[in-house]
Amino acid sequence: MILLLPATDKTILSAEEMLHPSHYSITSTYDVSSYEVDNGDTLYITRSLTNNESFNIEGLYFSENVPAGLHPLSFYAFINGSLIIPRYENAPNTIYPGYNTVYWIIDDPLGSIDHVIAPGEEIVLTVLYRCLTSGNYFFPLHTSTFAGNGTSFFSVGNHFIINVGNDCCLIKGDVDSDSQGPNVSDLTYLVNFLFKGGATPFCINEGDINNDGYILIDDIIYLVNYILKGGFPPPSCLNLD
């Protein structure tokens, strides 16, 4: 795989991952450059982990379940500004059928790569994906796994969806894309998608009611407040900032 450093850095979606166990000063974040990209564009996903504890972080690796049709084009990592090259491993169909489970190994105590994250250090991993085929790409699970001070840790983040090649948003909140929303049927569609394994919204942007880059329970709450409690209407599709 080619190491390719981007000329610009852009991030519009950012979230802190949940750390387990949680009572430690270790921060893990996940940033996505965009959830709507054109065919041929490059998607940037950036992972970071900051060690604010008094012990070393060892055995660190990042993992991602990548949907078929998207493949890492390049990746690179920095520890406190110093470039390192993680070891890359790919295991198709091991966790989710039709997905590539990808690993970026930072420190392998039994292997050839040795990058311990010392107290006060931060590692930043950036992965570039080339988007060539139109469609909705669901990223179900990403984790960071490591150990320190005799404790095993992992952090996990929310699922998200990338829309490639479809400038589809017409009515924000029209989750079922029937041009009648937002209404109760859109609310039902969203509940079924998030909690009952229902179909993915055709237009991700229409389902991301509050414009935070994710389809989560917050979007259901927004629709409930609007439809049933007289709350604020969803923003315009043109208001994406």
Foldseek 3Di string as FASTA:
>chain_A
DDADDDPDDAFQAKDWWQKVVHPAPKTKMKTWRAQEEEAQDKIKIKIKMAAQDQKKKAFKKKKWWWAPQKDWPHKWKDKQRHTDAFDKDWDAPPPPHRTIIIMGTQHDPPDDHHDIRHNGIMMMMMTMIHHHDFFKIKTQKIKMWIDIPHDTMMTIDHIAIHGYRDPDDDAACVQQPPVPDDEVVSLVQLCCVPPVVHDGRRDRRSQVQALNRGRDVVSSVVSCCVHPVVDDGGDGSVPND
